[in-house]
Structure formats: structure tokens, C-alpha cells
Amino acid sequence: MGSLYLSLGVCALNGKGYALPFIPDLDATGFIENIHSSCRSVLGVSLGTTRKLRPHLLQETAKEVFPLLANNQLKIKIGHEYPLEEAAEAHNLMENRLNKGKIILNVDSNN
């Protein structure tokens, strides 16, 4: 479906609805064909709606997760680290979905 129809379709979705776009003119055509031919789907996740409508759920989770982070009981995969001066390169990596793990922008001028 083209981008106009995708936009209209997404607007028509209820909360937690699904849309699987098929946009053959994107560079991701091979990826999309693979998903389509194997009857799999890819979903994006955002906590924006939860944060807005049910913030208490995130507060409860934060109370449990933050102590684990503070005690080094959770491992966060860092894929790339860039100095702030190379933010454009970091953005390009993320925009092209070439990263695995978190991208860190280091604002410390000593690193």
C-alpha cells in the first residue's frame, strides 16, 4: 500500500490495532517480501499511549526495574558509542536500522 493509504489506514486503527504496510518502492522490499511470503508480521511498539492513559503501570514497573539497573542486575546491550560531534553518523546508523543495541552519544569532551 502506498504511503497515503498507509497513513489513512493507521488513522483508522483503534488503539492497539494492527497494520502491516506493504510498500514495494522502499529499499526494504526484500525484507517485506520475506515477511509477506512467510506469513509473519512486524509490529512497532510505543509506550506513549500507556504513558498517557495508564501512567501508574509504568510507575510500578519503574519501581522494580530501576533498582535492578542500579545494582547491575540488568545488562543493556550497547551497540555503538559516538562522541557528540558525530551525532549525524549515529543518527544515520539508527535511521537506516543498522544498529544492534543502544546507540550512546557521549557528551563528555574528554572521551
PDB file of N, CA and C in Angstrom:
ATOM      1  N   MET A   1       0.852  -1.156   0.000  1.00  0.00           N
ATOM      2  CA  MET A   1       0.000   0.000   0.000  1.00  0.00           C
ATOM      3  C   MET A   1       0.897   1.217   0.000  1.00  0.00           C
ATOM      4  N   GLY A   2       0.508   2.257  -0.660  1.00  0.00           N
ATOM      5  CA  GLY A   2       1.304   3.473  -0.717  1.00  0.00           C
ATOM      6  C   GLY A   2       1.251   4.241   0.584  1.00  0.00           C
ATOM      7  N   SER A   3       2.148   5.235   0.705  1.00  0.00           N
ATOM      8  CA  SER A   3       2.244   5.947   1.977  1.00  0.00           C
ATOM      9  C   SER A   3       0.967   6.698   2.330  1.00  0.00           C
ATOM     10  N   LEU A   4       0.240   7.232   1.339  1.00  0.00           N
ATOM     11  CA  LEU A   4      -1.018   7.919   1.631  1.00  0.00           C
ATOM     12  C   LEU A   4      -2.020   6.939   2.238  1.00  0.00           C
ATOM     13  N   TYR A   5      -2.150   5.769   1.618  1.00  0.00           N
ATOM     14  CA  TYR A   5      -3.097   4.780   2.126  1.00  0.00           C
ATOM     15  C   TYR A   5      -2.656   4.227   3.474  1.00  0.00           C
ATOM     16  N   LEU A   6      -1.337   4.089   3.665  1.00  0.00           N
ATOM     17  CA  LEU A   6      -0.843   3.647   4.964  1.00  0.00           C
ATOM     18  C   LEU A   6      -1.232   4.663   6.029  1.00  0.00           C
ATOM     19  N   SER A   7      -1.034   5.942   5.750  1.00  0.00           N
ATOM     20  CA  SER A   7      -1.401   6.986   6.714  1.00  0.00           C
ATOM     21  C   SER A   7      -2.883   6.942   7.035  1.00  0.00           C
ATOM     22  N   LEU A   8      -3.710   6.811   6.015  1.00  0.00           N
ATOM     23  CA  LEU A   8      -5.156   6.732   6.233  1.00  0.00           C
ATOM     24  C   LEU A   8      -5.522   5.482   7.026  1.00  0.00           C
ATOM     25  N   GLY A   9      -4.874   4.374   6.680  1.00  0.00           N
ATOM     26  CA  GLY A   9      -5.156   3.120   7.373  1.00  0.00           C
ATOM     27  C   GLY A   9      -4.785   3.184   8.837  1.00  0.00           C
ATOM     28  N   VAL A  10      -3.634   3.778   9.146  1.00  0.00           N
ATOM     29  CA  VAL A  10      -3.207   3.893  10.533  1.00  0.00           C
ATOM     30  C   VAL A  10      -4.166   4.789  11.307  1.00  0.00           C
ATOM     31  N   CYS A  11      -4.630   5.855  10.676  1.00  0.00           N
ATOM     32  CA  CYS A  11      -5.603   6.743  11.331  1.00  0.00           C
ATOM     33  C   CYS A  11      -6.904   6.010  11.640  1.00  0.00           C
ATOM     34  N   ALA A  12      -7.245   5.016  10.839  1.00  0.00           N
ATOM     35  CA  ALA A  12      -8.497   4.286  11.030  1.00  0.00           C
ATOM     36  C   ALA A  12      -8.391   3.201  12.100  1.00  0.00           C
ATOM     37  N   LEU A  13      -7.179   2.879  12.541  1.00  0.00           N
ATOM     38  CA  LEU A  13      -6.999   1.823  13.533  1.00  0.00           C
ATOM     39  C   LEU A  13      -7.503   2.251  14.900  1.00  0.00           C
ATOM     40  N   ASN A  14      -8.059   1.307  15.618  1.00  0.00           N
ATOM     41  CA  ASN A  14      -8.373   1.524  17.027  1.00  0.00           C
ATOM     42  C   ASN A  14      -7.077   1.430  17.818  1.00  0.00           C
ATOM     43  N   GLY A  15      -7.108   1.814  19.083  1.00  0.00           N
ATOM     44  CA  GLY A  15      -5.947   1.628  19.931  1.00  0.00           C
ATOM     45  C   GLY A  15      -5.536   0.172  19.943  1.00  0.00           C
ATOM     46  N   LYS A  16      -4.277  -0.088  19.882  1.00  0.00           N
ATOM     47  CA  LYS A  16      -3.713  -1.442  19.840  1.00  0.00           C
ATOM     48  C   LYS A  16      -4.090  -2.192  18.566  1.00  0.00           C
ATOM     49  N   GLY A  17      -4.499  -1.460  17.511  1.00  0.00           N
ATOM     50  CA  GLY A  17      -4.810  -2.092  16.233  1.00  0.00           C
ATOM     51  C   GLY A  17      -3.538  -2.465  15.499  1.00  0.00           C
ATOM     52  N   TYR A  18      -3.663  -3.209  14.435  1.00  0.00           N
ATOM     53  CA  TYR A  18      -2.517  -3.673  13.662  1.00  0.00           C
ATOM     54  C   TYR A  18      -2.586  -3.155  12.234  1.00  0.00           C
ATOM     55  N   ALA A  19      -1.432  -2.837  11.683  1.00  0.00           N
ATOM     56  CA  ALA A  19      -1.319  -2.514  10.264  1.00  0.00           C
ATOM     57  C   ALA A  19      -0.016  -3.127   9.779  1.00  0.00           C
ATOM     58  N   LEU A  20      -0.054  -3.818   8.689  1.00  0.00           N
ATOM     59  CA  LEU A  20       1.157  -4.360   8.088  1.00  0.00           C
ATOM     60  C   LEU A  20       1.305  -3.701   6.731  1.00  0.00           C
ATOM     61  N   PRO A  21       2.146  -2.704   6.641  1.00  0.00           N
ATOM     62  CA  PRO A  21       2.290  -1.993   5.372  1.00  0.00           C
ATOM     63  C   PRO A  21       3.073  -2.817   4.358  1.00  0.00           C
ATOM     64  N   PHE A  22       2.683  -2.720   3.135  1.00  0.00           N
ATOM     65  CA  PHE A  22       3.440  -3.303   2.030  1.00  0.00           C
ATOM     66  C   PHE A  22       3.754  -2.165   1.074  1.00  0.00           C
ATOM     67  N   ILE A  23       4.997  -1.722   1.090  1.00  0.00           N
ATOM     68  CA  ILE A  23       5.404  -0.564   0.297  1.00  0.00           C
ATOM     69  C   ILE A  23       6.552  -1.001  -0.607  1.00  0.00           C
ATOM     70  N   PRO A  24       6.263  -1.468  -1.810  1.00  0.00           N
ATOM     71  CA  PRO A  24       7.295  -2.050  -2.663  1.00  0.00           C
ATOM     72  C   PRO A  24       8.340  -1.073  -3.176  1.00  0.00           C
ATOM     73  N   ASP A  25       8.124   0.232  -3.071  1.00  0.00           N
ATOM     74  CA  ASP A  25       9.117   1.161  -3.600  1.00  0.00           C
ATOM     75  C   ASP A  25      10.170   1.541  -2.563  1.00  0.00           C
ATOM     76  N   LEU A  26      10.144   0.946  -1.370  1.00  0.00           N
ATOM     77  CA  LEU A  26      11.155   1.206  -0.366  1.00  0.00           C
ATOM     78  C   LEU A  26      12.363   0.308  -0.585  1.00  0.00           C
ATOM     79  N   ASP A  27      13.503   0.690  -0.011  1.00  0.00           N
ATOM     80  CA  ASP A  27      14.703  -0.138  -0.089  1.00  0.00           C
ATOM     81  C   ASP A  27      14.522  -1.460   0.645  1.00  0.00           C
ATOM     82  N   ALA A  28      13.525  -1.549   1.500  1.00  0.00           N
ATOM     83  CA  ALA A  28      13.298  -2.749   2.305  1.00  0.00           C
ATOM     84  C   ALA A  28      12.431  -3.775   1.593  1.00  0.00           C
ATOM     85  N   THR A  29      12.316  -3.691   0.273  1.00  0.00           N
ATOM     86  CA  THR A  29      11.426  -4.583  -0.468  1.00  0.00           C
ATOM     87  C   THR A  29      11.707  -6.048  -0.171  1.00  0.00           C
ATOM     88  N   GLY A  30      12.970  -6.456  -0.205  1.00  0.00           N
ATOM     89  CA  GLY A  30      13.309  -7.855   0.061  1.00  0.00           C
ATOM     90  C   GLY A  30      12.870  -8.287   1.442  1.00  0.00           C
ATOM     91  N   PHE A  31      13.047  -7.421   2.395  1.00  0.00           N
ATOM     92  CA  PHE A  31      12.633  -7.696   3.763  1.00  0.00           C
ATOM     93  C   PHE A  31      11.122  -7.867   3.834  1.00  0.00           C
ATOM     94  N   ILE A  32      10.398  -6.961   3.199  1.00  0.00           N
ATOM     95  CA  ILE A  32       8.933  -7.011   3.216  1.00  0.00           C
ATOM     96  C   ILE A  32       8.432  -8.255   2.497  1.00  0.00           C
ATOM     97  N   GLU A  33       9.044  -8.598   1.359  1.00  0.00           N
ATOM     98  CA  GLU A  33       8.630  -9.802   0.628  1.00  0.00           C
ATOM     99  C   GLU A  33       8.845 -11.046   1.481  1.00  0.00           C
ATOM    100  N   ASN A  34       9.962 -11.080   2.206  1.00  0.00           N
ATOM    101  CA  ASN A  34      10.254 -12.218   3.072  1.00  0.00           C
ATOM    102  C   ASN A  34       9.193 -12.337   4.162  1.00  0.00           C
ATOM    103  N   ILE A  35       8.827 -11.231   4.749  1.00  0.00           N
ATOM    104  CA  ILE A  35       7.797 -11.258   5.790  1.00  0.00           C
ATOM    105  C   ILE A  35       6.463 -11.692   5.195  1.00  0.00           C
ATOM    106  N   HIS A  36       6.112 -11.108   4.059  1.00  0.00           N
ATOM    107  CA  HIS A  36       4.828 -11.403   3.424  1.00  0.00           C
ATOM    108  C   HIS A  36       4.736 -12.874   3.020  1.00  0.00           C
ATOM    109  N   SER A  37       5.782 -13.387   2.378  1.00  0.00           N
ATOM    110  CA  SER A  37       5.733 -14.759   1.865  1.00  0.00           C
ATOM    111  C   SER A  37       5.747 -15.805   2.975  1.00  0.00           C
ATOM    112  N   SER A  38       6.217 -15.433   4.154  1.00  0.00           N
ATOM    113  CA  SER A  38       6.275 -16.402   5.251  1.00  0.00           C
ATOM    114  C   SER A  38       5.148 -16.205   6.267  1.00  0.00           C
ATOM    115  N   CYS A  39       4.204 -15.332   5.931  1.00  0.00           N
ATOM    116  CA  CYS A  39       3.042 -15.075   6.803  1.00  0.00           C
ATOM    117  C   CYS A  39       3.445 -14.613   8.200  1.00  0.00           C
ATOM    118  N   ARG A  40       4.544 -13.871   8.294  1.00  0.00           N
ATOM    119  CA  ARG A  40       4.957 -13.284   9.565  1.00  0.00           C
ATOM    120  C   ARG A  40       4.562 -11.819   9.578  1.00  0.00           C
ATOM    121  N   SER A  41       4.642 -11.198  10.719  1.00  0.00           N
ATOM    122  CA  SER A  41       4.331  -9.772  10.808  1.00  0.00           C
ATOM    123  C   SER A  41       5.344  -9.068  11.696  1.00  0.00           C
ATOM    124  N   VAL A  42       5.477  -7.789  11.494  1.00  0.00           N
ATOM    125  CA  VAL A  42       6.362  -6.953  12.292  1.00  0.00           C
ATOM    126  C   VAL A  42       5.507  -5.866  12.910  1.00  0.00           C
ATOM    127  N   LEU A  43       5.653  -5.672  14.195  1.00  0.00           N
ATOM    128  CA  LEU A  43       4.866  -4.664  14.889  1.00  0.00           C
ATOM    129  C   LEU A  43       5.795  -3.674  15.563  1.00  0.00           C
ATOM    130  N   GLY A  44       5.440  -2.420  15.508  1.00  0.00           N
ATOM    131  CA  GLY A  44       6.166  -1.402  16.250  1.00  0.00           C
ATOM    132  C   GLY A  44       5.539  -1.253  17.629  1.00  0.00           C
ATOM    133  N   VAL A  45       6.340  -0.903  18.588  1.00  0.00           N
ATOM    134  CA  VAL A  45       5.851  -0.764  19.953  1.00  0.00           C
ATOM    135  C   VAL A  45       6.177   0.633  20.462  1.00  0.00           C
ATOM    136  N   SER A  46       5.227   1.247  21.095  1.00  0.00           N
ATOM    137  CA  SER A  46       5.430   2.554  21.706  1.00  0.00           C
ATOM    138  C   SER A  46       4.716   2.573  23.046  1.00  0.00           C
ATOM    139  N   LEU A  47       5.367   3.141  24.025  1.00  0.00           N
ATOM    140  CA  LEU A  47       4.736   3.260  25.334  1.00  0.00           C
ATOM    141  C   LEU A  47       4.010   4.587  25.498  1.00  0.00           C
ATOM    142  N   GLY A  48       3.930   5.366  24.430  1.00  0.00           N
ATOM    143  CA  GLY A  48       3.299   6.679  24.505  1.00  0.00           C
ATOM    144  C   GLY A  48       1.868   6.631  24.996  1.00  0.00           C
ATOM    145  N   THR A  49       1.083   5.709  24.459  1.00  0.00           N
ATOM    146  CA  THR A  49      -0.316   5.604  24.864  1.00  0.00           C
ATOM    147  C   THR A  49      -0.429   5.138  26.309  1.00  0.00           C
ATOM    148  N   THR A  50       0.385   4.172  26.682  1.00  0.00           N
ATOM    149  CA  THR A  50       0.368   3.691  28.066  1.00  0.00           C
ATOM    150  C   THR A  50       0.779   4.810  29.017  1.00  0.00           C
ATOM    151  N   ARG A  51       1.820   5.539  28.646  1.00  0.00           N
ATOM    152  CA  ARG A  51       2.284   6.642  29.487  1.00  0.00           C
ATOM    153  C   ARG A  51       1.185   7.685  29.672  1.00  0.00           C
ATOM    154  N   LYS A  52       0.425   7.913  28.622  1.00  0.00           N
ATOM    155  CA  LYS A  52      -0.622   8.934  28.648  1.00  0.00           C
ATOM    156  C   LYS A  52      -1.874   8.460  29.394  1.00  0.00           C
ATOM    157  N   LEU A  53      -2.314   7.236  29.105  1.00  0.00           N
ATOM    158  CA  LEU A  53      -3.588   6.759  29.642  1.00  0.00           C
ATOM    159  C   LEU A  53      -3.473   5.975  30.946  1.00  0.00           C
ATOM    160  N   ARG A  54      -2.326   5.296  31.153  1.00  0.00           N
ATOM    161  CA  ARG A  54      -2.166   4.474  32.360  1.00  0.00           C
ATOM    162  C   ARG A  54      -0.757   4.618  32.940  1.00  0.00           C
ATOM    163  N   PRO A  55      -0.389   5.831  33.322  1.00  0.00           N
ATOM    164  CA  PRO A  55       0.977   6.059  33.808  1.00  0.00           C
ATOM    165  C   PRO A  55       1.324   5.225  35.037  1.00  0.00           C
ATOM    166  N   HIS A  56       0.334   4.838  35.818  1.00  0.00           N
ATOM    167  CA  HIS A  56       0.600   4.032  37.013  1.00  0.00           C
ATOM    168  C   HIS A  56       1.271   2.704  36.664  1.00  0.00           C
ATOM    169  N   LEU A  57       0.972   2.157  35.486  1.00  0.00           N
ATOM    170  CA  LEU A  57       1.607   0.898  35.077  1.00  0.00           C
ATOM    171  C   LEU A  57       3.111   1.078  34.901  1.00  0.00           C
ATOM    172  N   LEU A  58       3.500   2.189  34.306  1.00  0.00           N
ATOM    173  CA  LEU A  58       4.927   2.446  34.109  1.00  0.00           C
ATOM    174  C   LEU A  58       5.611   2.771  35.434  1.00  0.00           C
ATOM    175  N   GLN A  59       4.905   3.445  36.327  1.00  0.00           N
ATOM    176  CA  GLN A  59       5.478   3.755  37.637  1.00  0.00           C
ATOM    177  C   GLN A  59       5.752   2.476  38.418  1.00  0.00           C
ATOM    178  N   GLU A  60       4.827   1.535  38.355  1.00  0.00           N
ATOM    179  CA  GLU A  60       5.015   0.252  39.044  1.00  0.00           C
ATOM    180  C   GLU A  60       6.221  -0.489  38.475  1.00  0.00           C
ATOM    181  N   THR A  61       6.332  -0.502  37.156  1.00  0.00           N
ATOM    182  CA  THR A  61       7.455  -1.176  36.506  1.00  0.00           C
ATOM    183  C   THR A  61       8.766  -0.492  36.860  1.00  0.00           C
ATOM    184  N   ALA A  62       8.775   0.834  36.827  1.00  0.00           N
ATOM    185  CA  ALA A  62       9.992   1.588  37.138  1.00  0.00           C
ATOM    186  C   ALA A  62      10.484   1.280  38.550  1.00  0.00           C
ATOM    187  N   LYS A  63       9.570   1.133  39.494  1.00  0.00           N
ATOM    188  CA  LYS A  63       9.955   0.833  40.879  1.00  0.00           C
ATOM    189  C   LYS A  63      10.688  -0.502  40.977  1.00  0.00           C
ATOM    190  N   GLU A  64      10.367  -1.424  40.082  1.00  0.00           N
ATOM    191  CA  GLU A  64      11.027  -2.728  40.094  1.00  0.00           C
ATOM    192  C   GLU A  64      12.291  -2.740  39.241  1.00  0.00           C
ATOM    193  N   VAL A  65      12.274  -2.038  38.119  1.00  0.00           N
ATOM    194  CA  VAL A  65      13.380  -2.110  37.164  1.00  0.00           C
ATOM    195  C   VAL A  65      14.566  -1.233  37.569  1.00  0.00           C
ATOM    196  N   PHE A  66      14.324  -0.025  38.041  1.00  0.00           N
ATOM    197  CA  PHE A  66      15.426   0.884  38.357  1.00  0.00           C
ATOM    198  C   PHE A  66      16.385   0.325  39.408  1.00  0.00           C
ATOM    199  N   PRO A  67      15.901  -0.320  40.471  1.00  0.00           N
ATOM    200  CA  PRO A  67      16.857  -0.936  41.407  1.00  0.00           C
ATOM    201  C   PRO A  67      17.704  -2.030  40.748  1.00  0.00           C
ATOM    202  N   LEU A  68      17.124  -2.773  39.833  1.00  0.00           N
ATOM    203  CA  LEU A  68      17.902  -3.799  39.123  1.00  0.00           C
ATOM    204  C   LEU A  68      19.011  -3.157  38.303  1.00  0.00           C
ATOM    205  N   LEU A  69      18.698  -2.049  37.651  1.00  0.00           N
ATOM    206  CA  LEU A  69      19.716  -1.321  36.895  1.00  0.00           C
ATOM    207  C   LEU A  69      20.802  -0.791  37.825  1.00  0.00           C
ATOM    208  N   ALA A  70      20.396  -0.200  38.931  1.00  0.00           N
ATOM    209  CA  ALA A  70      21.348   0.383  39.877  1.00  0.00           C
ATOM    210  C   ALA A  70      22.296  -0.669  40.447  1.00  0.00           C
ATOM    211  N   ASN A  71      21.822  -1.904  40.597  1.00  0.00           N
ATOM    212  CA  ASN A  71      22.634  -2.989  41.158  1.00  0.00           C
ATOM    213  C   ASN A  71      23.312  -3.838  40.091  1.00  0.00           C
ATOM    214  N   ASN A  72      23.322  -3.346  38.846  1.00  0.00           N
ATOM    215  CA  ASN A  72      23.954  -4.064  37.725  1.00  0.00           C
ATOM    216  C   ASN A  72      23.397  -5.465  37.533  1.00  0.00           C
ATOM    217  N   GLN A  73      22.111  -5.632  37.782  1.00  0.00           N
ATOM    218  CA  GLN A  73      21.473  -6.926  37.585  1.00  0.00           C
ATOM    219  C   GLN A  73      20.843  -7.053  36.202  1.00  0.00           C
ATOM    220  N   LEU A  74      20.793  -5.969  35.467  1.00  0.00           N
ATOM    221  CA  LEU A  74      20.310  -5.982  34.086  1.00  0.00           C
ATOM    222  C   LEU A  74      21.444  -5.562  33.171  1.00  0.00           C
ATOM    223  N   LYS A  75      21.528  -6.189  32.048  1.00  0.00           N
ATOM    224  CA  LYS A  75      22.550  -5.839  31.065  1.00  0.00           C
ATOM    225  C   LYS A  75      21.877  -5.171  29.875  1.00  0.00           C
ATOM    226  N   ILE A  76      22.323  -3.987  29.554  1.00  0.00           N
ATOM    227  CA  ILE A  76      21.810  -3.273  28.391  1.00  0.00           C
ATOM    228  C   ILE A  76      22.865  -3.368  27.305  1.00  0.00           C
ATOM    229  N   LYS A  77      22.481  -3.905  26.168  1.00  0.00           N
ATOM    230  CA  LYS A  77      23.431  -4.067  25.068  1.00  0.00           C
ATOM    231  C   LYS A  77      23.706  -2.714  24.432  1.00  0.00           C
ATOM    232  N   ILE A  78      24.968  -2.333  24.441  1.00  0.00           N
ATOM    233  CA  ILE A  78      25.395  -1.102  23.779  1.00  0.00           C
ATOM    234  C   ILE A  78      26.043  -1.513  22.468  1.00  0.00           C
ATOM    235  N   GLY A  79      25.428  -1.088  21.373  1.00  0.00           N
ATOM    236  CA  GLY A  79      25.926  -1.459  20.059  1.00  0.00           C
ATOM    237  C   GLY A  79      26.986  -0.514  19.524  1.00  0.00           C
ATOM    238  N   HIS A  80      26.806   0.781  19.769  1.00  0.00           N
ATOM    239  CA  HIS A  80      27.719   1.794  19.234  1.00  0.00           C
ATOM    240  C   HIS A  80      27.809   2.960  20.202  1.00  0.00           C
ATOM    241  N   GLU A  81      28.967   3.583  20.220  1.00  0.00           N
ATOM    242  CA  GLU A  81      29.167   4.772  21.038  1.00  0.00           C
ATOM    243  C   GLU A  81      29.879   5.819  20.189  1.00  0.00           C
ATOM    244  N   TYR A  82      29.341   7.029  20.202  1.00  0.00           N
ATOM    245  CA  TYR A  82      29.883   8.120  19.395  1.00  0.00           C
ATOM    246  C   TYR A  82      30.090   9.355  20.256  1.00  0.00           C
ATOM    247  N   PRO A  83      31.127  10.160  19.933  1.00  0.00           N
ATOM    248  CA  PRO A  83      31.206  11.480  20.563  1.00  0.00           C
ATOM    249  C   PRO A  83      30.086  12.357  20.000  1.00  0.00           C
ATOM    250  N   LEU A  84      29.686  13.355  20.748  1.00  0.00           N
ATOM    251  CA  LEU A  84      28.585  14.215  20.336  1.00  0.00           C
ATOM    252  C   LEU A  84      28.821  14.820  18.954  1.00  0.00           C
ATOM    253  N   GLU A  85      30.066  15.089  18.630  1.00  0.00           N
ATOM    254  CA  GLU A  85      30.393  15.679  17.326  1.00  0.00           C
ATOM    255  C   GLU A  85      30.016  14.766  16.159  1.00  0.00           C
ATOM    256  N   GLU A  86      29.849  13.481  16.416  1.00  0.00           N
ATOM    257  CA  GLU A  86      29.490  12.525  15.369  1.00  0.00           C
ATOM    258  C   GLU A  86      28.021  12.098  15.474  1.00  0.00           C
ATOM    259  N   ALA A  87      27.192  12.971  16.023  1.00  0.00           N
ATOM    260  CA  ALA A  87      25.768  12.661  16.200  1.00  0.00           C
ATOM    261  C   ALA A  87      25.090  12.353  14.872  1.00  0.00           C
ATOM    262  N   ALA A  88      25.495  13.037  13.803  1.00  0.00           N
ATOM    263  CA  ALA A  88      24.885  12.787  12.493  1.00  0.00           C
ATOM    264  C   ALA A  88      25.149  11.353  12.042  1.00  0.00           C
ATOM    265  N   GLU A  89      26.353  10.862  12.288  1.00  0.00           N
ATOM    266  CA  GLU A  89      26.680   9.478  11.916  1.00  0.00           C
ATOM    267  C   GLU A  89      25.854   8.488  12.746  1.00  0.00           C
ATOM    268  N   ALA A  90      25.700   8.783  14.028  1.00  0.00           N
ATOM    269  CA  ALA A  90      24.884   7.931  14.899  1.00  0.00           C
ATOM    270  C   ALA A  90      23.432   7.931  14.435  1.00  0.00           C
ATOM    271  N   HIS A  91      22.935   9.096  14.065  1.00  0.00           N
ATOM    272  CA  HIS A  91      21.554   9.204  13.584  1.00  0.00           C
ATOM    273  C   HIS A  91      21.383   8.414  12.293  1.00  0.00           C
ATOM    274  N   ASN A  92      22.360   8.504  11.404  1.00  0.00           N
ATOM    275  CA  ASN A  92      22.305   7.765  10.140  1.00  0.00           C
ATOM    276  C   ASN A  92      22.249   6.260  10.398  1.00  0.00           C
ATOM    277  N   LEU A  93      23.040   5.797  11.340  1.00  0.00           N
ATOM    278  CA  LEU A  93      23.044   4.375  11.695  1.00  0.00           C
ATOM    279  C   LEU A  93      21.658   3.941  12.157  1.00  0.00           C
ATOM    280  N   MET A  94      21.056   4.747  13.031  1.00  0.00           N
ATOM    281  CA  MET A  94      19.734   4.426  13.559  1.00  0.00           C
ATOM    282  C   MET A  94      18.667   4.539  12.473  1.00  0.00           C
ATOM    283  N   GLU A  95      18.730   5.602  11.689  1.00  0.00           N
ATOM    284  CA  GLU A  95      17.725   5.831  10.652  1.00  0.00           C
ATOM    285  C   GLU A  95      17.707   4.703   9.630  1.00  0.00           C
ATOM    286  N   ASN A  96      18.874   4.144   9.344  1.00  0.00           N
ATOM    287  CA  ASN A  96      18.974   3.052   8.377  1.00  0.00           C
ATOM    288  C   ASN A  96      18.860   1.678   9.034  1.00  0.00           C
ATOM    289  N   ARG A  97      18.537   1.674  10.309  1.00  0.00           N
ATOM    290  CA  ARG A  97      18.321   0.440  11.070  1.00  0.00           C
ATOM    291  C   ARG A  97      19.505  -0.522  10.981  1.00  0.00           C
ATOM    292  N   LEU A  98      20.704   0.044  11.115  1.00  0.00           N
ATOM    293  CA  LEU A  98      21.917  -0.755  11.049  1.00  0.00           C
ATOM    294  C   LEU A  98      22.486  -1.052  12.432  1.00  0.00           C
ATOM    295  N   ASN A  99      21.809  -0.577  13.463  1.00  0.00           N
ATOM    296  CA  ASN A  99      22.320  -0.768  14.817  1.00  0.00           C
ATOM    297  C   ASN A  99      21.720  -2.007  15.468  1.00  0.00           C
ATOM    298  N   LYS A 100      22.510  -2.588  16.334  1.00  0.00           N
ATOM    299  CA  LYS A 100      22.040  -3.655  17.220  1.00  0.00           C
ATOM    300  C   LYS A 100      22.433  -3.208  18.612  1.00  0.00           C
ATOM    301  N   GLY A 101      21.477  -3.013  19.457  1.00  0.00           N
ATOM    302  CA  GLY A 101      21.749  -2.479  20.781  1.00  0.00           C
ATOM    303  C   GLY A 101      21.571  -0.974  20.790  1.00  0.00           C
ATOM    304  N   LYS A 102      21.857  -0.387  21.931  1.00  0.00           N
ATOM    305  CA  LYS A 102      21.680   1.050  22.115  1.00  0.00           C
ATOM    306  C   LYS A 102      22.811   1.825  21.459  1.00  0.00           C
ATOM    307  N   ILE A 103      22.495   3.020  21.021  1.00  0.00           N
ATOM    308  CA  ILE A 103      23.490   3.947  20.485  1.00  0.00           C
ATOM    309  C   ILE A 103      23.709   5.013  21.549  1.00  0.00           C
ATOM    310  N   ILE A 104      24.947   5.170  21.970  1.00  0.00           N
ATOM    311  CA  ILE A 104      25.293   6.128  23.014  1.00  0.00           C
ATOM    312  C   ILE A 104      25.968   7.341  22.387  1.00  0.00           C
ATOM    313  N   LEU A 105      25.467   8.534  22.706  1.00  0.00           N
ATOM    314  CA  LEU A 105      26.136   9.785  22.344  1.00  0.00           C
ATOM    315  C   LEU A 105      26.847  10.278  23.594  1.00  0.00           C
ATOM    316  N   ASN A 106      28.160  10.357  23.526  1.00  0.00           N
ATOM    317  CA  ASN A 106      28.953  10.766  24.673  1.00  0.00           C
ATOM    318  C   ASN A 106      29.131  12.275  24.643  1.00  0.00           C
ATOM    319  N   VAL A 107      28.595  12.961  25.639  1.00  0.00           N
ATOM    320  CA  VAL A 107      28.691  14.419  25.694  1.00  0.00           C
ATOM    321  C   VAL A 107      29.903  14.887  26.485  1.00  0.00           C
ATOM    322  N   ASP A 108      30.642  13.967  27.069  1.00  0.00           N
ATOM    323  CA  ASP A 108      31.849  14.308  27.818  1.00  0.00           C
ATOM    324  C   ASP A 108      32.950  14.654  26.833  1.00  0.00           C
ATOM    325  N   SER A 109      33.491  15.849  26.912  1.00  0.00           N
ATOM    326  CA  SER A 109      34.507  16.292  25.949  1.00  0.00           C
ATOM    327  C   SER A 109      35.829  15.565  26.116  1.00  0.00           C
ATOM    328  N   ASN A 110      36.022  14.819  27.220  1.00  0.00           N
ATOM    329  CA  ASN A 110      37.270  14.081  27.440  1.00  0.00           C
ATOM    330  C   ASN A 110      37.287  12.725  26.755  1.00  0.00           C
ATOM    331  N   ASN A 111      36.162  12.285  26.228  1.00  0.00           N
ATOM    332  CA  ASN A 111      36.099  10.955  25.587  1.00  0.00           C
ATOM    333  C   ASN A 111      35.966  11.072  24.108  1.00  0.00           C
TER     334      ASN A 111
END
